[in-house]
């Protein structure tokens, strides 16, 4: 895994190469908005229940791979 310094250096190199003003302004906005503390969101009771149900599904093996999910979605879409 790359160290923080290597990641920063790589990002700086990439930013220096960017010539698109709109892209740089959008990047500046993104970086500026993410430098403050990350707010902690409160979960609703419904969200907590859904997370608990998801954890139970994982424990009991009721899950499929991303590949299988995409396959099922394509089959469903093609059936319409």
PDB file of N, CA and C in Angstrom:
ATOM      1  N   UNK A   1       0.853  -1.186   0.000  1.00  0.00           N
ATOM      2  CA  UNK A   1       0.000   0.000   0.000  1.00  0.00           C
ATOM      3  C   UNK A   1       0.895   1.246   0.000  1.00  0.00           C
ATOM      4  N   UNK A   2       0.490   2.206  -0.786  1.00  0.00           N
ATOM      5  CA  UNK A   2       1.270   3.431  -0.907  1.00  0.00           C
ATOM      6  C   UNK A   2       1.200   4.246   0.382  1.00  0.00           C
ATOM      7  N   UNK A   3       2.299   4.894   0.688  1.00  0.00           N
ATOM      8  CA  UNK A   3       2.309   5.756   1.861  1.00  0.00           C
ATOM      9  C   UNK A   3       1.562   7.043   1.533  1.00  0.00           C
ATOM     10  N   UNK A   4       1.172   7.758   2.549  1.00  0.00           N
ATOM     11  CA  UNK A   4       0.462   9.027   2.367  1.00  0.00           C
ATOM     12  C   UNK A   4       1.306   9.994   1.553  1.00  0.00           C
ATOM     13  N   UNK A   5       2.600  10.056   1.827  1.00  0.00           N
ATOM     14  CA  UNK A   5       3.471  10.965   1.071  1.00  0.00           C
ATOM     15  C   UNK A   5       3.521  10.609  -0.411  1.00  0.00           C
ATOM     16  N   UNK A   6       3.554   9.306  -0.735  1.00  0.00           N
ATOM     17  CA  UNK A   6       3.575   8.893  -2.132  1.00  0.00           C
ATOM     18  C   UNK A   6       2.256   9.247  -2.816  1.00  0.00           C
ATOM     19  N   UNK A   7       1.158   9.047  -2.122  1.00  0.00           N
ATOM     20  CA  UNK A   7      -0.150   9.386  -2.677  1.00  0.00           C
ATOM     21  C   UNK A   7      -0.228  10.883  -2.945  1.00  0.00           C
ATOM     22  N   UNK A   8       0.187  11.684  -1.970  1.00  0.00           N
ATOM     23  CA  UNK A   8       0.165  13.144  -2.139  1.00  0.00           C
ATOM     24  C   UNK A   8       1.035  13.569  -3.317  1.00  0.00           C
ATOM     25  N   UNK A   9       2.214  13.001  -3.411  1.00  0.00           N
ATOM     26  CA  UNK A   9       3.133  13.351  -4.489  1.00  0.00           C
ATOM     27  C   UNK A   9       2.531  12.990  -5.848  1.00  0.00           C
ATOM     28  N   UNK A  10       1.941  11.820  -5.934  1.00  0.00           N
ATOM     29  CA  UNK A  10       1.300  11.402  -7.174  1.00  0.00           C
ATOM     30  C   UNK A  10       0.153  12.314  -7.562  1.00  0.00           C
ATOM     31  N   UNK A  11      -0.640  12.720  -6.574  1.00  0.00           N
ATOM     32  CA  UNK A  11      -1.751  13.641  -6.849  1.00  0.00           C
ATOM     33  C   UNK A  11      -1.244  14.999  -7.333  1.00  0.00           C
ATOM     34  N   UNK A  12      -0.195  15.487  -6.692  1.00  0.00           N
ATOM     35  CA  UNK A  12       0.382  16.782  -7.094  1.00  0.00           C
ATOM     36  C   UNK A  12       0.856  16.716  -8.539  1.00  0.00           C
ATOM     37  N   UNK A  13       1.545  15.635  -8.898  1.00  0.00           N
ATOM     38  CA  UNK A  13       2.014  15.481 -10.276  1.00  0.00           C
ATOM     39  C   UNK A  13       0.849  15.484 -11.265  1.00  0.00           C
ATOM     40  N   UNK A  14      -0.210  14.786 -10.915  1.00  0.00           N
ATOM     41  CA  UNK A  14      -1.377  14.722 -11.801  1.00  0.00           C
ATOM     42  C   UNK A  14      -2.062  16.082 -11.906  1.00  0.00           C
ATOM     43  N   UNK A  15      -2.186  16.783 -10.794  1.00  0.00           N
ATOM     44  CA  UNK A  15      -2.832  18.098 -10.800  1.00  0.00           C
ATOM     45  C   UNK A  15      -2.038  19.083 -11.646  1.00  0.00           C
ATOM     46  N   UNK A  16      -0.718  19.041 -11.543  1.00  0.00           N
ATOM     47  CA  UNK A  16       0.132  19.945 -12.327  1.00  0.00           C
ATOM     48  C   UNK A  16      -0.101  19.748 -13.822  1.00  0.00           C
ATOM     49  N   UNK A  17      -0.381  18.512 -14.231  1.00  0.00           N
ATOM     50  CA  UNK A  17      -0.564  18.215 -15.653  1.00  0.00           C
ATOM     51  C   UNK A  17      -1.938  18.632 -16.190  1.00  0.00           C
ATOM     52  N   UNK A  18      -2.889  18.896 -15.326  1.00  0.00           N
ATOM     53  CA  UNK A  18      -4.246  19.251 -15.759  1.00  0.00           C
ATOM     54  C   UNK A  18      -4.267  20.681 -16.287  1.00  0.00           C
ATOM     55  N   UNK A  19      -4.854  20.862 -17.470  1.00  0.00           N
ATOM     56  CA  UNK A  19      -4.961  22.187 -18.091  1.00  0.00           C
ATOM     57  C   UNK A  19      -6.394  22.696 -18.127  1.00  0.00           C
ATOM     58  N   UNK A  20      -7.358  21.862 -17.794  1.00  0.00           N
ATOM     59  CA  UNK A  20      -8.767  22.230 -17.873  1.00  0.00           C
ATOM     60  C   UNK A  20      -9.166  23.048 -16.647  1.00  0.00           C
ATOM     61  N   UNK A  21      -9.468  24.335 -16.855  1.00  0.00           N
ATOM     62  CA  UNK A  21      -9.792  25.253 -15.751  1.00  0.00           C
ATOM     63  C   UNK A  21     -11.033  24.796 -14.980  1.00  0.00           C
ATOM     64  N   UNK A  22     -12.081  24.394 -15.704  1.00  0.00           N
ATOM     65  CA  UNK A  22     -13.312  23.957 -15.034  1.00  0.00           C
ATOM     66  C   UNK A  22     -13.048  22.751 -14.138  1.00  0.00           C
ATOM     67  N   UNK A  23     -12.249  21.824 -14.646  1.00  0.00           N
ATOM     68  CA  UNK A  23     -11.924  20.639 -13.862  1.00  0.00           C
ATOM     69  C   UNK A  23     -11.155  21.020 -12.601  1.00  0.00           C
ATOM     70  N   UNK A  24     -10.184  21.915 -12.754  1.00  0.00           N
ATOM     71  CA  UNK A  24      -9.388  22.342 -11.602  1.00  0.00           C
ATOM     72  C   UNK A  24     -10.249  23.074 -10.570  1.00  0.00           C
ATOM     73  N   UNK A  25     -11.184  23.904 -11.039  1.00  0.00           N
ATOM     74  CA  UNK A  25     -12.071  24.603 -10.109  1.00  0.00           C
ATOM     75  C   UNK A  25     -12.965  23.611  -9.374  1.00  0.00           C
ATOM     76  N   UNK A  26     -13.461  22.606 -10.089  1.00  0.00           N
ATOM     77  CA  UNK A  26     -14.289  21.581  -9.445  1.00  0.00           C
ATOM     78  C   UNK A  26     -13.467  20.792  -8.429  1.00  0.00           C
ATOM     79  N   UNK A  27     -12.242  20.476  -8.792  1.00  0.00           N
ATOM     80  CA  UNK A  27     -11.353  19.754  -7.880  1.00  0.00           C
ATOM     81  C   UNK A  27     -11.067  20.593  -6.635  1.00  0.00           C
ATOM     82  N   UNK A  28     -10.841  21.895  -6.834  1.00  0.00           N
ATOM     83  CA  UNK A  28     -10.600  22.803  -5.710  1.00  0.00           C
ATOM     84  C   UNK A  28     -11.807  22.826  -4.774  1.00  0.00           C
ATOM     85  N   UNK A  29     -13.000  22.881  -5.352  1.00  0.00           N
ATOM     86  CA  UNK A  29     -14.222  22.873  -4.538  1.00  0.00           C
ATOM     87  C   UNK A  29     -14.327  21.575  -3.754  1.00  0.00           C
ATOM     88  N   UNK A  30     -14.054  20.468  -4.417  1.00  0.00           N
ATOM     89  CA  UNK A  30     -14.117  19.165  -3.758  1.00  0.00           C
ATOM     90  C   UNK A  30     -13.129  19.080  -2.599  1.00  0.00           C
ATOM     91  N   UNK A  31     -11.912  19.485  -2.857  1.00  0.00           N
ATOM     92  CA  UNK A  31     -10.881  19.410  -1.814  1.00  0.00           C
ATOM     93  C   UNK A  31     -11.214  20.362  -0.665  1.00  0.00           C
ATOM     94  N   UNK A  32     -11.663  21.563  -0.994  1.00  0.00           N
ATOM     95  CA  UNK A  32     -11.995  22.547   0.043  1.00  0.00           C
ATOM     96  C   UNK A  32     -13.137  22.071   0.932  1.00  0.00           C
ATOM     97  N   UNK A  33     -14.095  21.389   0.328  1.00  0.00           N
ATOM     98  CA  UNK A  33     -15.250  20.946   1.110  1.00  0.00           C
ATOM     99  C   UNK A  33     -14.936  19.721   1.958  1.00  0.00           C
ATOM    100  N   UNK A  34     -13.849  19.026   1.644  1.00  0.00           N
ATOM    101  CA  UNK A  34     -13.555  17.797   2.382  1.00  0.00           C
ATOM    102  C   UNK A  34     -12.467  17.973   3.429  1.00  0.00           C
ATOM    103  N   UNK A  35     -12.000  19.197   3.650  1.00  0.00           N
ATOM    104  CA  UNK A  35     -10.911  19.382   4.606  1.00  0.00           C
ATOM    105  C   UNK A  35     -11.402  19.536   6.037  1.00  0.00           C
ATOM    106  N   UNK A  36     -12.670  19.805   6.225  1.00  0.00           N
ATOM    107  CA  UNK A  36     -13.214  19.961   7.568  1.00  0.00           C
ATOM    108  C   UNK A  36     -13.511  18.607   8.189  1.00  0.00           C
ATOM    109  N   UNK A  37     -13.950  18.624   9.425  1.00  0.00           N
ATOM    110  CA  UNK A  37     -14.285  17.362  10.076  1.00  0.00           C
ATOM    111  C   UNK A  37     -15.475  16.694   9.375  1.00  0.00           C
ATOM    112  N   UNK A  38     -15.416  15.396   9.291  1.00  0.00           N
ATOM    113  CA  UNK A  38     -16.492  14.647   8.653  1.00  0.00           C
ATOM    114  C   UNK A  38     -17.658  14.545   9.635  1.00  0.00           C
ATOM    115  N   UNK A  39     -18.822  15.056   9.231  1.00  0.00           N
ATOM    116  CA  UNK A  39     -19.959  15.000  10.155  1.00  0.00           C
ATOM    117  C   UNK A  39     -20.448  13.564  10.327  1.00  0.00           C
ATOM    118  N   UNK A  40     -20.823  13.249  11.532  1.00  0.00           N
ATOM    119  CA  UNK A  40     -21.351  11.922  11.828  1.00  0.00           C
ATOM    120  C   UNK A  40     -22.862  11.971  11.642  1.00  0.00           C
ATOM    121  N   UNK A  41     -23.344  11.138  10.740  1.00  0.00           N
ATOM    122  CA  UNK A  41     -24.772  11.096  10.463  1.00  0.00           C
ATOM    123  C   UNK A  41     -25.451  10.146  11.447  1.00  0.00           C
ATOM    124  N   UNK A  42     -26.606  10.538  11.895  1.00  0.00           N
ATOM    125  CA  UNK A  42     -27.402   9.682  12.768  1.00  0.00           C
ATOM    126  C   UNK A  42     -28.249   8.761  11.906  1.00  0.00           C
ATOM    127  N   UNK A  43     -28.255   7.490  12.240  1.00  0.00           N
ATOM    128  CA  UNK A  43     -29.073   6.535  11.510  1.00  0.00           C
ATOM    129  C   UNK A  43     -30.480   6.505  12.091  1.00  0.00           C
ATOM    130  N   UNK A  44     -31.442   6.338  11.204  1.00  0.00           N
ATOM    131  CA  UNK A  44     -32.817   6.169  11.671  1.00  0.00           C
ATOM    132  C   UNK A  44     -32.967   4.749  12.191  1.00  0.00           C
ATOM    133  N   UNK A  45     -34.036   4.497  12.925  1.00  0.00           N
ATOM    134  CA  UNK A  45     -34.295   3.140  13.416  1.00  0.00           C
ATOM    135  C   UNK A  45     -34.440   2.162  12.254  1.00  0.00           C
ATOM    136  N   UNK A  46     -35.085   2.618  11.172  1.00  0.00           N
ATOM    137  CA  UNK A  46     -35.258   1.760  10.004  1.00  0.00           C
ATOM    138  C   UNK A  46     -33.918   1.386   9.382  1.00  0.00           C
ATOM    139  N   UNK A  47     -33.001   2.350   9.316  1.00  0.00           N
ATOM    140  CA  UNK A  47     -31.678   2.080   8.766  1.00  0.00           C
ATOM    141  C   UNK A  47     -30.923   1.084   9.644  1.00  0.00           C
ATOM    142  N   UNK A  48     -31.046   1.228  10.955  1.00  0.00           N
ATOM    143  CA  UNK A  48     -30.384   0.300  11.871  1.00  0.00           C
ATOM    144  C   UNK A  48     -30.933  -1.112  11.692  1.00  0.00           C
ATOM    145  N   UNK A  49     -32.239  -1.231  11.536  1.00  0.00           N
ATOM    146  CA  UNK A  49     -32.858  -2.543  11.333  1.00  0.00           C
ATOM    147  C   UNK A  49     -32.354  -3.162  10.033  1.00  0.00           C
ATOM    148  N   UNK A  50     -32.295  -2.362   8.979  1.00  0.00           N
ATOM    149  CA  UNK A  50     -31.818  -2.874   7.698  1.00  0.00           C
ATOM    150  C   UNK A  50     -30.364  -3.346   7.791  1.00  0.00           C
ATOM    151  N   UNK A  51     -29.520  -2.612   8.506  1.00  0.00           N
ATOM    152  CA  UNK A  51     -28.126  -3.027   8.685  1.00  0.00           C
ATOM    153  C   UNK A  51     -28.034  -4.331   9.471  1.00  0.00           C
ATOM    154  N   UNK A  52     -28.848  -4.456  10.488  1.00  0.00           N
ATOM    155  CA  UNK A  52     -28.872  -5.699  11.269  1.00  0.00           C
ATOM    156  C   UNK A  52     -29.325  -6.870  10.402  1.00  0.00           C
ATOM    157  N   UNK A  53     -30.334  -6.633   9.550  1.00  0.00           N
ATOM    158  CA  UNK A  53     -30.807  -7.677   8.650  1.00  0.00           C
ATOM    159  C   UNK A  53     -29.702  -8.069   7.655  1.00  0.00           C
ATOM    160  N   UNK A  54     -28.966  -7.091   7.173  1.00  0.00           N
ATOM    161  CA  UNK A  54     -27.868  -7.355   6.241  1.00  0.00           C
ATOM    162  C   UNK A  54     -26.779  -8.193   6.904  1.00  0.00           C
ATOM    163  N   UNK A  55     -26.450  -7.855   8.125  1.00  0.00           N
ATOM    164  CA  UNK A  55     -25.439  -8.624   8.859  1.00  0.00           C
ATOM    165  C   UNK A  55     -25.902 -10.059   9.060  1.00  0.00           C
ATOM    166  N   UNK A  56     -27.171 -10.243   9.364  1.00  0.00           N
ATOM    167  CA  UNK A  56     -27.717 -11.584   9.545  1.00  0.00           C
ATOM    168  C   UNK A  56     -27.670 -12.365   8.228  1.00  0.00           C
ATOM    169  N   UNK A  57     -27.995 -11.704   7.126  1.00  0.00           N
ATOM    170  CA  UNK A  57     -27.905 -12.352   5.810  1.00  0.00           C
ATOM    171  C   UNK A  57     -26.488 -12.835   5.542  1.00  0.00           C
ATOM    172  N   UNK A  58     -25.505 -11.996   5.839  1.00  0.00           N
ATOM    173  CA  UNK A  58     -24.105 -12.392   5.636  1.00  0.00           C
ATOM    174  C   UNK A  58     -23.728 -13.585   6.499  1.00  0.00           C
ATOM    175  N   UNK A  59     -24.132 -13.557   7.761  1.00  0.00           N
ATOM    176  CA  UNK A  59     -23.811 -14.660   8.680  1.00  0.00           C
ATOM    177  C   UNK A  59     -24.419 -15.972   8.209  1.00  0.00           C
ATOM    178  N   UNK A  60     -25.598 -15.897   7.609  1.00  0.00           N
ATOM    179  CA  UNK A  60     -26.305 -17.108   7.191  1.00  0.00           C
ATOM    180  C   UNK A  60     -26.063 -17.463   5.724  1.00  0.00           C
ATOM    181  N   UNK A  61     -25.131 -16.748   5.095  1.00  0.00           N
ATOM    182  CA  UNK A  61     -24.745 -17.080   3.731  1.00  0.00           C
ATOM    183  C   UNK A  61     -25.745 -16.692   2.667  1.00  0.00           C
ATOM    184  N   UNK A  62     -26.637 -15.789   2.972  1.00  0.00           N
ATOM    185  CA  UNK A  62     -27.632 -15.348   1.993  1.00  0.00           C
ATOM    186  C   UNK A  62     -27.093 -14.143   1.215  1.00  0.00           C
ATOM    187  N   UNK A  63     -26.114 -14.422   0.358  1.00  0.00           N
ATOM    188  CA  UNK A  63     -25.528 -13.356  -0.444  1.00  0.00           C
ATOM    189  C   UNK A  63     -25.022 -13.947  -1.751  1.00  0.00           C
ATOM    190  N   UNK A  64     -24.838 -13.077  -2.747  1.00  0.00           N
ATOM    191  CA  UNK A  64     -24.320 -13.503  -4.040  1.00  0.00           C
ATOM    192  C   UNK A  64     -23.199 -12.549  -4.439  1.00  0.00           C
ATOM    193  N   UNK A  65     -22.401 -12.985  -5.400  1.00  0.00           N
ATOM    194  CA  UNK A  65     -21.296 -12.161  -5.870  1.00  0.00           C
ATOM    195  C   UNK A  65     -21.822 -11.030  -6.752  1.00  0.00           C
ATOM    196  N   UNK A  66     -20.988 -10.013  -6.947  1.00  0.00           N
ATOM    197  CA  UNK A  66     -21.340  -8.908  -7.839  1.00  0.00           C
ATOM    198  C   UNK A  66     -21.587  -9.436  -9.244  1.00  0.00           C
ATOM    199  N   UNK A  67     -20.769 -10.380  -9.664  1.00  0.00           N
ATOM    200  CA  UNK A  67     -20.906 -10.970 -10.996  1.00  0.00           C
ATOM    201  C   UNK A  67     -22.268 -11.656 -11.151  1.00  0.00           C
ATOM    202  N   UNK A  68     -22.671 -12.424 -10.155  1.00  0.00           N
ATOM    203  CA  UNK A  68     -23.968 -13.100 -10.199  1.00  0.00           C
ATOM    204  C   UNK A  68     -25.109 -12.088 -10.190  1.00  0.00           C
ATOM    205  N   UNK A  69     -24.976 -11.043  -9.427  1.00  0.00           N
ATOM    206  CA  UNK A  69     -26.000  -9.998  -9.380  1.00  0.00           C
ATOM    207  C   UNK A  69     -26.163  -9.351 -10.752  1.00  0.00           C
ATOM    208  N   UNK A  70     -25.048  -9.026 -11.392  1.00  0.00           N
ATOM    209  CA  UNK A  70     -25.105  -8.416 -12.712  1.00  0.00           C
ATOM    210  C   UNK A  70     -25.723  -9.362 -13.733  1.00  0.00           C
ATOM    211  N   UNK A  71     -25.400 -10.654 -13.622  1.00  0.00           N
ATOM    212  CA  UNK A  71     -25.980 -11.653 -14.515  1.00  0.00           C
ATOM    213  C   UNK A  71     -27.493 -11.709 -14.340  1.00  0.00           C
ATOM    214  N   UNK A  72     -27.954 -11.740 -13.098  1.00  0.00           N
ATOM    215  CA  UNK A  72     -29.389 -11.772 -12.824  1.00  0.00           C
ATOM    216  C   UNK A  72     -30.080 -10.504 -13.325  1.00  0.00           C
ATOM    217  N   UNK A  73     -29.432  -9.363 -13.156  1.00  0.00           N
ATOM    218  CA  UNK A  73     -30.012  -8.107 -13.633  1.00  0.00           C
ATOM    219  C   UNK A  73     -30.175  -8.124 -15.146  1.00  0.00           C
ATOM    220  N   UNK A  74     -29.159  -8.611 -15.856  1.00  0.00           N
ATOM    221  CA  UNK A  74     -29.245  -8.692 -17.316  1.00  0.00           C
ATOM    222  C   UNK A  74     -30.366  -9.636 -17.746  1.00  0.00           C
ATOM    223  N   UNK A  75     -30.478 -10.764 -17.065  1.00  0.00           N
ATOM    224  CA  UNK A  75     -31.545 -11.721 -17.387  1.00  0.00           C
ATOM    225  C   UNK A  75     -32.901 -11.071 -17.161  1.00  0.00           C
ATOM    226  N   UNK A  76     -33.025 -10.347 -16.077  1.00  0.00           N
ATOM    227  CA  UNK A  76     -34.295  -9.682 -15.767  1.00  0.00           C
ATOM    228  C   UNK A  76     -34.619  -8.608 -16.808  1.00  0.00           C
ATOM    229  N   UNK A  77     -33.618  -7.816 -17.163  1.00  0.00           N
ATOM    230  CA  UNK A  77     -33.821  -6.773 -18.161  1.00  0.00           C
ATOM    231  C   UNK A  77     -34.187  -7.355 -19.525  1.00  0.00           C
ATOM    232  N   UNK A  78     -33.550  -8.443 -19.896  1.00  0.00           N
ATOM    233  CA  UNK A  78     -33.812  -9.073 -21.194  1.00  0.00           C
ATOM    234  C   UNK A  78     -35.180  -9.737 -21.234  1.00  0.00           C
ATOM    235  N   UNK A  79     -35.719 -10.097 -20.078  1.00  0.00           N
ATOM    236  CA  UNK A  79     -37.032 -10.740 -20.014  1.00  0.00           C
ATOM    237  C   UNK A  79     -38.167  -9.722 -20.193  1.00  0.00           C
ATOM    238  N   UNK A  80     -37.894  -8.459 -20.046  1.00  0.00           N
ATOM    239  CA  UNK A  80     -38.927  -7.423 -20.135  1.00  0.00           C
ATOM    240  C   UNK A  80     -39.265  -7.096 -21.560  1.00  0.00           C
TER     241      UNK A  80
END
